[in-house]
Amino acid sequence: MKYLIVGLGNIGDEYANTRHNIGFIVADALAQEGSAVFKTERYGDIARLKYKSRILVVLKPSTFMNLSGKAIKYWLTKENIPVDNLLVITDDLALPTGVLRLRAKGGDGGHNGLINIIQELQSSKFARLRMGIGNEFAKGYQVDYVLGKWTKEEENIMIPKVKTAVEIVKSFVSIGAARTMNVFNTQEGKKKPDED
């Protein structure tokens, strides 16, 4: 089975390690764990790796956030991957920093990347891993906030969450969205049954 795993972000050094680029950061971590190397191809950087006999095509779109759907549509078609096997990793202002939520489908939540993906695919029925970046900004400063660099405190929260996100991706491709949500979408502050 083949899956398209997409980390959303913006290309360019000025966007590296910004809140909006958490999708790229997770994609890099996933590729690194699988000893895969990104190569620049059409509409993005692509890494290919195997996990439990699944083939993962990992995409970091080069179209910039607002046109992410163009790259995703192209690679779904090129690799003959069904939308059911698509997972998009994105930042989310509506969730506190470090909170992760997997959803099998859903709306755009005002996120420009998701808006474009839904438009291009003509569907909102694709899995997305939402990674909370908080909303600690003054009115009118949303763009500055999402395109801003992580604070040291945020980095301390997010670094282990990137590892968790990689585990969620691996779970998604092995046991599916529904079972993965049951395992990982725990209430913040509550421990999972297997935790001490």
Protein backbone atom coordinates (compact mmCIF):
# COMPACT_ATOMS: atom_id res chain seq x y z
CA MET A 1 0.00 0.00 0.00
CA LYS A 2 1.11 3.51 -0.77
CA TYR A 3 0.48 6.72 1.20
CA LEU A 4 1.05 10.40 0.55
CA ILE A 5 2.23 12.18 3.70
CA VAL A 6 2.27 15.95 3.27
CA GLY A 7 3.91 18.43 5.60
CA LEU A 8 2.60 21.94 4.96
CA GLY A 9 4.93 24.92 5.04
CA ASN A 10 6.60 27.64 3.01
CA ILE A 11 9.91 27.23 1.22
CA GLY A 12 12.84 29.54 1.81
CA ASP A 13 15.30 30.21 4.61
CA GLU A 14 13.19 33.07 5.97
CA TYR A 15 10.40 30.60 6.79
CA ALA A 16 12.58 27.90 8.34
CA ASN A 17 11.64 27.01 11.92
CA THR A 18 8.57 29.23 11.94
CA ARG A 19 5.27 28.17 13.51
CA HIS A 20 3.60 27.89 10.10
CA ASN A 21 6.26 25.39 8.97
CA ILE A 22 5.66 22.70 11.59
CA GLY A 23 4.47 20.39 8.80
CA PHE A 24 7.87 20.64 7.10
CA ILE A 25 9.59 19.95 10.42
CA VAL A 26 7.57 16.75 10.96
CA ALA A 27 8.16 15.65 7.35
CA ASP A 28 11.91 16.12 7.86
CA ALA A 29 11.81 14.09 11.08
CA LEU A 30 9.81 11.30 9.41
CA ALA A 31 12.23 11.10 6.49
CA GLN A 32 15.24 11.15 8.80
CA GLU A 33 13.87 8.28 10.88
CA GLY A 34 13.37 6.28 7.70
CA SER A 35 16.86 7.18 6.40
CA ALA A 36 15.24 8.83 3.39
CA VAL A 37 16.57 11.87 1.56
CA PHE A 38 14.44 14.60 0.01
CA LYS A 39 14.90 15.29 -3.68
CA THR A 40 13.47 18.29 -5.48
CA GLU A 41 10.83 17.17 -7.96
CA ARG A 42 7.77 18.77 -9.50
CA TYR A 43 5.85 21.00 -7.06
CA GLY A 44 7.95 20.01 -4.08
CA ASP A 45 10.61 18.01 -2.29
CA ILE A 46 9.90 14.28 -2.17
CA ALA A 47 11.27 11.54 0.07
CA ARG A 48 10.31 7.90 -0.24
CA LEU A 49 10.53 5.35 2.54
CA LYS A 50 9.05 2.05 3.67
CA TYR A 51 7.37 1.27 6.95
CA LYS A 52 5.86 -2.16 7.68
CA SER A 53 5.60 -2.95 3.95
CA ARG A 54 3.84 0.38 3.32
CA ILE A 55 5.39 2.85 0.89
CA LEU A 56 5.35 6.43 2.17
CA VAL A 57 5.73 9.26 -0.31
CA VAL A 58 6.57 12.27 1.85
CA LEU A 59 5.94 15.67 0.25
CA LYS A 60 6.99 19.17 1.22
CA PRO A 61 5.19 21.34 -1.36
CA SER A 62 7.20 24.11 -3.05
CA THR A 63 4.02 25.94 -4.09
CA PHE A 64 3.87 27.95 -0.86
CA MET A 65 1.13 27.36 1.68
CA ASN A 66 -1.76 28.98 -0.22
CA LEU A 67 -1.35 26.69 -3.25
CA SER A 68 -0.60 23.43 -1.42
CA GLY A 69 -3.54 21.70 -3.09
CA LYS A 70 -1.94 21.93 -6.52
CA ALA A 71 1.08 19.92 -5.38
CA ILE A 72 -1.02 17.39 -3.47
CA LYS A 73 -3.40 16.79 -6.38
CA TYR A 74 -0.45 16.27 -8.73
CA TRP A 75 1.31 13.74 -6.49
CA LEU A 76 -1.86 11.82 -5.65
CA THR A 77 -2.43 11.39 -9.38
CA LYS A 78 1.19 10.67 -10.30
CA GLU A 79 1.63 8.04 -7.58
CA ASN A 80 -1.92 6.66 -8.01
CA ILE A 81 -2.68 7.16 -4.32
CA PRO A 82 -6.33 7.33 -3.18
CA VAL A 83 -7.43 10.30 -1.07
CA ASP A 84 -8.11 7.82 1.76
CA ASN A 85 -4.33 7.33 1.94
CA LEU A 86 -3.53 11.04 2.21
CA LEU A 87 -2.40 12.59 5.49
CA VAL A 88 -1.77 16.35 5.72
CA ILE A 89 0.27 17.71 8.64
CA THR A 90 -0.53 21.32 9.48
CA ASP A 91 -0.24 24.00 12.14
CA ASP A 92 -3.41 25.01 13.98
CA LEU A 93 -4.06 28.28 15.82
CA ALA A 94 -7.18 26.87 17.49
CA LEU A 95 -5.19 24.35 19.53
CA PRO A 96 -2.85 25.21 22.41
CA THR A 97 0.87 24.89 21.67
CA GLY A 98 1.87 21.24 21.52
CA VAL A 99 -1.62 19.72 21.39
CA LEU A 100 -1.96 17.21 18.54
CA ARG A 101 -5.25 16.14 16.95
CA LEU A 102 -5.72 13.65 14.15
CA ARG A 103 -8.94 13.94 12.13
CA ALA A 104 -10.17 11.68 9.32
CA LYS A 105 -11.91 14.64 7.66
CA GLY A 106 -13.05 18.16 8.47
CA GLY A 107 -13.28 21.78 7.45
CA ASP A 108 -10.50 24.24 6.69
CA GLY A 109 -10.59 26.09 10.03
CA GLY A 110 -9.61 29.26 8.16
CA HIS A 111 -6.22 27.74 7.27
CA ASN A 112 -5.17 28.89 3.79
CA GLY A 113 -3.36 25.66 3.01
CA LEU A 114 -6.38 23.52 3.87
CA ILE A 115 -8.70 25.90 2.01
CA ASN A 116 -6.71 25.36 -1.18
CA ILE A 117 -6.40 21.60 -0.71
CA ILE A 118 -10.17 21.25 -0.27
CA GLN A 119 -10.74 23.38 -3.38
CA GLU A 120 -8.29 21.38 -5.49
CA LEU A 121 -9.47 17.95 -4.34
CA GLN A 122 -13.14 19.00 -4.27
CA SER A 123 -13.34 17.15 -0.98
CA SER A 124 -12.68 17.66 2.71
CA LYS A 125 -12.62 13.91 3.36
CA PHE A 126 -8.90 13.51 3.89
CA ALA A 127 -6.97 12.92 7.09
CA ARG A 128 -5.13 15.78 8.72
CA LEU A 129 -2.86 15.96 11.73
CA ARG A 130 -3.39 19.33 13.39
CA MET A 131 -0.51 20.56 15.50
CA GLY A 132 -1.37 23.31 17.95
CA ILE A 133 0.74 26.48 17.82
CA GLY A 134 -1.42 28.52 20.19
CA ASN A 135 -2.81 31.98 19.51
CA GLU A 136 -0.80 34.26 21.76
CA PHE A 137 -0.89 37.33 19.54
CA ALA A 138 -2.53 40.73 19.58
CA LYS A 139 -5.45 41.45 17.28
CA GLY A 140 -4.25 42.08 13.75
CA TYR A 141 -0.93 40.27 14.25
CA GLN A 142 -1.91 36.74 13.19
CA VAL A 143 0.34 36.72 10.11
CA ASP A 144 3.33 37.95 12.12
CA TYR A 145 2.64 35.27 14.70
CA VAL A 146 2.32 32.26 12.39
CA LEU A 147 5.33 33.36 10.35
CA GLY A 148 7.33 34.07 13.52
CA LYS A 149 10.08 31.89 14.95
CA TRP A 150 9.47 29.59 17.91
CA THR A 151 10.36 30.93 21.33
CA LYS A 152 12.71 28.80 23.43
CA GLU A 153 9.80 27.82 25.65
CA GLU A 154 7.75 26.74 22.61
CA GLU A 155 10.68 24.76 21.23
CA ASN A 156 10.94 22.84 24.49
CA ILE A 157 7.26 21.91 24.11
CA MET A 158 7.32 21.15 20.40
CA ILE A 159 10.52 19.11 20.00
CA PRO A 160 9.08 16.02 21.75
CA LYS A 161 5.73 16.61 20.00
CA VAL A 162 7.46 16.28 16.62
CA LYS A 163 8.50 12.77 17.66
CA THR A 164 4.92 12.03 18.69
CA ALA A 165 3.71 13.31 15.30
CA VAL A 166 6.04 10.86 13.55
CA GLU A 167 4.55 8.06 15.66
CA ILE A 168 1.05 9.19 14.66
CA VAL A 169 2.00 9.05 10.97
CA LYS A 170 3.39 5.53 11.40
CA SER A 171 0.24 4.48 13.24
CA PHE A 172 -1.99 6.03 10.57
CA VAL A 173 -0.37 4.03 7.78
CA SER A 174 -0.41 0.80 9.81
CA ILE A 175 -3.79 0.75 11.58
CA GLY A 176 -5.77 3.59 9.97
CA ALA A 177 -7.17 6.92 11.11
CA ALA A 178 -9.95 5.71 13.42
CA ARG A 179 -7.78 3.45 15.58
CA THR A 180 -4.95 5.98 15.60
CA MET A 181 -7.33 8.68 16.85
CA ASN A 182 -8.41 6.38 19.68
CA VAL A 183 -4.79 5.95 20.75
CA PHE A 184 -3.44 9.48 20.35
CA ASN A 185 -6.35 11.91 20.61
CA THR A 186 -6.40 11.81 24.40
CA GLN A 187 -7.62 14.70 26.47
CA GLU A 188 -4.83 17.13 27.24
CA GLY A 189 -3.52 16.46 30.72
CA LYS A 190 -4.97 12.95 30.93
CA LYS A 191 -2.72 9.97 30.62
CA LYS A 192 -3.24 7.16 28.16
CA PRO A 193 -3.92 3.76 29.74
CA ASP A 194 -0.39 2.51 28.98
CA GLU A 195 1.27 5.44 30.76
CA ASP A 196 2.52 5.31 34.36
